Amino acid sequence: EGGGDVGGAWYWNRYPGAMCDTAAM
């Protein structure tokens, strides 16, 4: 993994308001 941890896009995306708009369940 190129990032410093697992998570992919969710490792990189830390902008204010970042969330997924598909239901978490």
PDB file of all heavy atoms in Angstrom:
ATOM      1  N   GLU A   1       0.835  -1.202   0.000  1.00  0.00           N
ATOM      2  CA  GLU A   1       0.000   0.000   0.000  1.00  0.00           C
ATOM      3  C   GLU A   1       0.873   1.257   0.000  1.00  0.00           C
ATOM      4  O   GLU A   1       1.810   1.372   0.800  1.00  0.00           O
ATOM      5  CB  GLU A   1      -0.914  -0.010   1.232  1.00  0.00           C
ATOM      6  CG  GLU A   1      -1.575   1.298   1.586  1.00  0.00           C
ATOM      7  CD  GLU A   1      -2.441   1.851   0.463  1.00  0.00           C
ATOM      8  OE1 GLU A   1      -3.189   1.070  -0.172  1.00  0.00           O
ATOM      9  OE2 GLU A   1      -2.365   3.070   0.214  1.00  0.00           O
ATOM     10  N   GLY A   2       0.571   2.188  -0.905  1.00  0.00           N
ATOM     11  CA  GLY A   2       1.365   3.406  -1.011  1.00  0.00           C
ATOM     12  C   GLY A   2       1.161   4.368   0.141  1.00  0.00           C
ATOM     13  O   GLY A   2       2.062   5.141   0.488  1.00  0.00           O
ATOM     14  N   GLY A   3      -0.021   4.361   0.749  1.00  0.00           N
ATOM     15  CA  GLY A   3      -0.273   5.234   1.891  1.00  0.00           C
ATOM     16  C   GLY A   3       0.379   4.728   3.153  1.00  0.00           C
ATOM     17  O   GLY A   3       0.809   3.574   3.236  1.00  0.00           O
ATOM     18  N   GLY A   4       0.418   5.584   4.147  1.00  0.00           N
ATOM     19  CA  GLY A   4       1.063   5.216   5.404  1.00  0.00           C
ATOM     20  C   GLY A   4       0.230   4.319   6.285  1.00  0.00           C
ATOM     21  O   GLY A   4       0.686   3.903   7.353  1.00  0.00           O
ATOM     22  N   ASP A   5      -0.995   3.997   5.854  1.00  0.00           N
ATOM     23  CA  ASP A   5      -1.846   3.077   6.594  1.00  0.00           C
ATOM     24  C   ASP A   5      -2.844   2.490   5.601  1.00  0.00           C
ATOM     25  O   ASP A   5      -2.901   2.891   4.436  1.00  0.00           O
ATOM     26  CB  ASP A   5      -2.587   3.810   7.721  1.00  0.00           C
ATOM     27  CG  ASP A   5      -2.995   2.886   8.867  1.00  0.00           C
ATOM     28  OD1 ASP A   5      -3.125   1.663   8.620  1.00  0.00           O
ATOM     29  OD2 ASP A   5      -3.196   3.378   9.991  1.00  0.00           O
ATOM     30  N   VAL A   6      -3.640   1.550   6.060  1.00  0.00           N
ATOM     31  CA  VAL A   6      -4.689   0.998   5.214  1.00  0.00           C
ATOM     32  C   VAL A   6      -5.826   2.028   5.098  1.00  0.00           C
ATOM     33  O   VAL A   6      -5.837   3.043   5.788  1.00  0.00           O
ATOM     34  CB  VAL A   6      -5.225  -0.324   5.796  1.00  0.00           C
ATOM     35  CG1 VAL A   6      -4.128  -1.371   5.853  1.00  0.00           C
ATOM     36  CG2 VAL A   6      -5.831  -0.097   7.187  1.00  0.00           C
ATOM     37  N   GLY A   7      -6.782   1.743   4.208  1.00  0.00           N
ATOM     38  CA  GLY A   7      -7.930   2.632   4.092  1.00  0.00           C
ATOM     39  C   GLY A   7      -8.163   3.179   2.699  1.00  0.00           C
ATOM     40  O   GLY A   7      -9.249   3.646   2.389  1.00  0.00           O
ATOM     41  N   GLY A   8      -7.116   3.173   1.854  1.00  0.00           N
ATOM     42  CA  GLY A   8      -7.289   3.652   0.494  1.00  0.00           C
ATOM     43  C   GLY A   8      -7.729   5.107   0.458  1.00  0.00           C
ATOM     44  O   GLY A   8      -7.122   5.972   1.101  1.00  0.00           O
ATOM     45  N   ALA A   9      -8.812   5.388  -0.275  1.00  0.00           N
ATOM     46  CA  ALA A   9      -9.305   6.761  -0.397  1.00  0.00           C
ATOM     47  C   ALA A   9      -9.602   7.372   0.967  1.00  0.00           C
ATOM     48  O   ALA A   9      -9.481   8.591   1.156  1.00  0.00           O
ATOM     49  CB  ALA A   9     -10.561   6.779  -1.262  1.00  0.00           C
ATOM     50  N   TRP A  10      -9.966   6.524   1.933  1.00  0.00           N
ATOM     51  CA  TRP A  10     -10.328   7.037   3.249  1.00  0.00           C
ATOM     52  C   TRP A  10      -9.109   7.283   4.124  1.00  0.00           C
ATOM     53  O   TRP A  10      -9.242   7.813   5.236  1.00  0.00           O
ATOM     54  CB  TRP A  10     -11.317   6.089   3.913  1.00  0.00           C
ATOM     55  CG  TRP A  10     -12.542   5.961   3.058  1.00  0.00           C
ATOM     56  CD1 TRP A  10     -12.927   4.869   2.332  1.00  0.00           C
ATOM     57  CD2 TRP A  10     -13.506   6.982   2.793  1.00  0.00           C
ATOM     58  NE1 TRP A  10     -14.076   5.151   1.639  1.00  0.00           N
ATOM     59  CE2 TRP A  10     -14.448   6.432   1.892  1.00  0.00           C
ATOM     60  CE3 TRP A  10     -13.663   8.298   3.225  1.00  0.00           C
ATOM     61  CZ2 TRP A  10     -15.534   7.171   1.427  1.00  0.00           C
ATOM     62  CZ3 TRP A  10     -14.748   9.026   2.759  1.00  0.00           C
ATOM     63  CH2 TRP A  10     -15.667   8.459   1.876  1.00  0.00           C
ATOM     64  N   TYR A  11      -7.940   6.892   3.664  1.00  0.00           N
ATOM     65  CA  TYR A  11      -6.702   7.342   4.299  1.00  0.00           C
ATOM     66  C   TYR A  11      -6.366   8.747   3.819  1.00  0.00           C
ATOM     67  O   TYR A  11      -5.960   9.609   4.597  1.00  0.00           O
ATOM     68  CB  TYR A  11      -5.560   6.377   3.965  1.00  0.00           C
ATOM     69  CG  TYR A  11      -4.207   6.857   4.445  1.00  0.00           C
ATOM     70  CD1 TYR A  11      -3.832   6.702   5.773  1.00  0.00           C
ATOM     71  CD2 TYR A  11      -3.308   7.464   3.569  1.00  0.00           C
ATOM     72  CE1 TYR A  11      -2.589   7.139   6.222  1.00  0.00           C
ATOM     73  CE2 TYR A  11      -2.064   7.901   4.002  1.00  0.00           C
ATOM     74  CZ  TYR A  11      -1.714   7.740   5.332  1.00  0.00           C
ATOM     75  OH  TYR A  11      -0.491   8.184   5.780  1.00  0.00           O
ATOM     76  N   TRP A  12      -6.565   8.991   2.530  1.00  0.00           N
ATOM     77  CA  TRP A  12      -6.178  10.272   1.942  1.00  0.00           C
ATOM     78  C   TRP A  12      -7.201  11.370   2.196  1.00  0.00           C
ATOM     79  O   TRP A  12      -6.843  12.521   2.426  1.00  0.00           O
ATOM     80  CB  TRP A  12      -5.960  10.114   0.439  1.00  0.00           C
ATOM     81  CG  TRP A  12      -4.880   9.135   0.090  1.00  0.00           C
ATOM     82  CD1 TRP A  12      -5.023   7.905  -0.474  1.00  0.00           C
ATOM     83  CD2 TRP A  12      -3.467   9.313   0.281  1.00  0.00           C
ATOM     84  NE1 TRP A  12      -3.808   7.301  -0.638  1.00  0.00           N
ATOM     85  CE2 TRP A  12      -2.824   8.137  -0.191  1.00  0.00           C
ATOM     86  CE3 TRP A  12      -2.690  10.337   0.804  1.00  0.00           C
ATOM     87  CZ2 TRP A  12      -1.455   7.977  -0.152  1.00  0.00           C
ATOM     88  CZ3 TRP A  12      -1.314  10.180   0.843  1.00  0.00           C
ATOM     89  CH2 TRP A  12      -0.714   9.011   0.377  1.00  0.00           C
ATOM     90  N   ASN A  13      -8.485  11.054   2.111  1.00  0.00           N
ATOM     91  CA  ASN A  13      -9.513  12.089   2.183  1.00  0.00           C
ATOM     92  C   ASN A  13      -9.784  12.520   3.621  1.00  0.00           C
ATOM     93  O   ASN A  13     -10.473  11.829   4.372  1.00  0.00           O
ATOM     94  CB  ASN A  13     -10.809  11.592   1.539  1.00  0.00           C
ATOM     95  CG  ASN A  13     -10.788  11.746   0.033  1.00  0.00           C
ATOM     96  OD1 ASN A  13     -10.047  12.564  -0.510  1.00  0.00           O
ATOM     97  ND2 ASN A  13     -11.603  10.972  -0.655  1.00  0.00           N
ATOM     98  N   ARG A  14      -9.262  13.689   3.957  1.00  0.00           N
ATOM     99  CA  ARG A  14      -9.468  14.234   5.301  1.00  0.00           C
ATOM    100  C   ARG A  14      -9.961  15.671   5.228  1.00  0.00           C
ATOM    101  O   ARG A  14      -9.812  16.443   6.180  1.00  0.00           O
ATOM    102  CB  ARG A  14      -8.171  14.137   6.105  1.00  0.00           C
ATOM    103  CG  ARG A  14      -7.604  12.716   6.111  1.00  0.00           C
ATOM    104  CD  ARG A  14      -6.452  12.552   7.060  1.00  0.00           C
ATOM    105  NE  ARG A  14      -5.790  11.255   6.853  1.00  0.00           N
ATOM    106  CZ  ARG A  14      -4.960  10.697   7.729  1.00  0.00           C
ATOM    107  NH1 ARG A  14      -4.687  11.305   8.870  1.00  0.00           N
ATOM    108  NH2 ARG A  14      -4.390   9.538   7.460  1.00  0.00           N
ATOM    109  N   TYR A  15     -10.537  16.018   4.101  1.00  0.00           N
ATOM    110  CA  TYR A  15     -11.066  17.377   3.941  1.00  0.00           C
ATOM    111  C   TYR A  15     -12.294  17.562   4.846  1.00  0.00           C
ATOM    112  O   TYR A  15     -12.951  16.587   5.229  1.00  0.00           O
ATOM    113  CB  TYR A  15     -11.415  17.651   2.480  1.00  0.00           C
ATOM    114  CG  TYR A  15     -12.431  16.718   1.865  1.00  0.00           C
ATOM    115  CD1 TYR A  15     -13.800  16.945   2.001  1.00  0.00           C
ATOM    116  CD2 TYR A  15     -12.034  15.604   1.122  1.00  0.00           C
ATOM    117  CE1 TYR A  15     -14.731  16.104   1.433  1.00  0.00           C
ATOM    118  CE2 TYR A  15     -12.971  14.753   0.552  1.00  0.00           C
ATOM    119  CZ  TYR A  15     -14.314  15.008   0.708  1.00  0.00           C
ATOM    120  OH  TYR A  15     -15.248  14.171   0.147  1.00  0.00           O
ATOM    121  N   PRO A  16     -12.629  18.788   5.204  1.00  0.00           N
ATOM    122  CA  PRO A  16     -13.783  19.001   6.094  1.00  0.00           C
ATOM    123  C   PRO A  16     -15.077  18.537   5.434  1.00  0.00           C
ATOM    124  O   PRO A  16     -15.341  18.825   4.270  1.00  0.00           O
ATOM    125  CB  PRO A  16     -13.781  20.523   6.302  1.00  0.00           C
ATOM    126  CG  PRO A  16     -13.011  21.069   5.144  1.00  0.00           C
ATOM    127  CD  PRO A  16     -11.978  20.040   4.811  1.00  0.00           C
ATOM    128  N   GLY A  17     -15.849  17.771   6.182  1.00  0.00           N
ATOM    129  CA  GLY A  17     -17.123  17.280   5.674  1.00  0.00           C
ATOM    130  C   GLY A  17     -17.048  15.966   4.940  1.00  0.00           C
ATOM    131  O   GLY A  17     -18.076  15.459   4.474  1.00  0.00           O
ATOM    132  N   ALA A  18     -15.867  15.386   4.810  1.00  0.00           N
ATOM    133  CA  ALA A  18     -15.715  14.152   4.035  1.00  0.00           C
ATOM    134  C   ALA A  18     -16.520  13.020   4.657  1.00  0.00           C
ATOM    135  O   ALA A  18     -16.395  12.734   5.846  1.00  0.00           O
ATOM    136  CB  ALA A  18     -14.238  13.751   3.958  1.00  0.00           C
ATOM    137  N   MET A  19     -17.357  12.402   3.865  1.00  0.00           N
ATOM    138  CA  MET A  19     -18.081  11.212   4.284  1.00  0.00           C
ATOM    139  C   MET A  19     -18.582  10.493   3.044  1.00  0.00           C
ATOM    140  O   MET A  19     -18.566  11.042   1.944  1.00  0.00           O
ATOM    141  CB  MET A  19     -19.240  11.533   5.231  1.00  0.00           C
ATOM    142  CG  MET A  19     -20.379  12.316   4.647  1.00  0.00           C
ATOM    143  SD  MET A  19     -21.863  12.341   5.726  1.00  0.00           S
ATOM    144  CE  MET A  19     -21.198  12.824   7.298  1.00  0.00           C
ATOM    145  N   CYS A  20     -19.017   9.256   3.218  1.00  0.00           N
ATOM    146  CA  CYS A  20     -19.567   8.495   2.107  1.00  0.00           C
ATOM    147  C   CYS A  20     -21.069   8.717   2.076  1.00  0.00           C
ATOM    148  O   CYS A  20     -21.719   8.712   3.117  1.00  0.00           O
ATOM    149  CB  CYS A  20     -19.261   7.010   2.257  1.00  0.00           C
ATOM    150  SG  CYS A  20     -19.881   6.036   0.874  1.00  0.00           S
ATOM    151  N   ASP A  21     -21.623   8.941   0.873  1.00  0.00           N
ATOM    152  CA  ASP A  21     -23.070   9.133   0.816  1.00  0.00           C
ATOM    153  C   ASP A  21     -23.794   7.879   0.337  1.00  0.00           C
ATOM    154  O   ASP A  21     -24.893   7.943  -0.205  1.00  0.00           O
ATOM    155  CB  ASP A  21     -23.455  10.359  -0.017  1.00  0.00           C
ATOM    156  CG  ASP A  21     -22.877  10.356  -1.408  1.00  0.00           C
ATOM    157  OD1 ASP A  21     -22.461   9.279  -1.866  1.00  0.00           O
ATOM    158  OD2 ASP A  21     -22.844  11.419  -2.046  1.00  0.00           O
ATOM    159  N   THR A  22     -23.157   6.728   0.544  1.00  0.00           N
ATOM    160  CA  THR A  22     -23.874   5.448   0.515  1.00  0.00           C
ATOM    161  C   THR A  22     -24.042   5.012   1.970  1.00  0.00           C
ATOM    162  O   THR A  22     -23.126   5.152   2.778  1.00  0.00           O
ATOM    163  CB  THR A  22     -23.085   4.387  -0.275  1.00  0.00           C
ATOM    164  OG1 THR A  22     -22.937   4.819  -1.618  1.00  0.00           O
ATOM    165  CG2 THR A  22     -23.815   3.045  -0.253  1.00  0.00           C
ATOM    166  N   ALA A  23     -25.207   4.496   2.298  1.00  0.00           N
ATOM    167  CA  ALA A  23     -25.505   4.154   3.696  1.00  0.00           C
ATOM    168  C   ALA A  23     -24.449   3.221   4.275  1.00  0.00           C
ATOM    169  O   ALA A  23     -24.050   2.233   3.649  1.00  0.00           O
ATOM    170  CB  ALA A  23     -26.887   3.515   3.787  1.00  0.00           C
ATOM    171  N   ALA A  24     -24.010   3.524   5.493  1.00  0.00           N
ATOM    172  CA  ALA A  24     -22.908   2.792   6.117  1.00  0.00           C
ATOM    173  C   ALA A  24     -23.211   1.313   6.298  1.00  0.00           C
ATOM    174  O   ALA A  24     -22.306   0.476   6.233  1.00  0.00           O
ATOM    175  CB  ALA A  24     -22.574   3.426   7.470  1.00  0.00           C
ATOM    176  N   MET A  25     -24.468   0.954   6.501  1.00  0.00           N
ATOM    177  CA  MET A  25     -24.816  -0.449   6.739  1.00  0.00           C
ATOM    178  C   MET A  25     -24.534  -1.318   5.520  1.00  0.00           C
ATOM    179  O   MET A  25     -24.345  -2.534   5.645  1.00  0.00           O
ATOM    180  CB  MET A  25     -26.288  -0.566   7.146  1.00  0.00           C
ATOM    181  CG  MET A  25     -26.632   0.190   8.428  1.00  0.00           C
ATOM    182  SD  MET A  25     -26.150  -0.677   9.929  1.00  0.00           S
ATOM    183  CE  MET A  25     -27.676  -1.584  10.280  1.00  0.00           C
TER     184      MET A  25
END
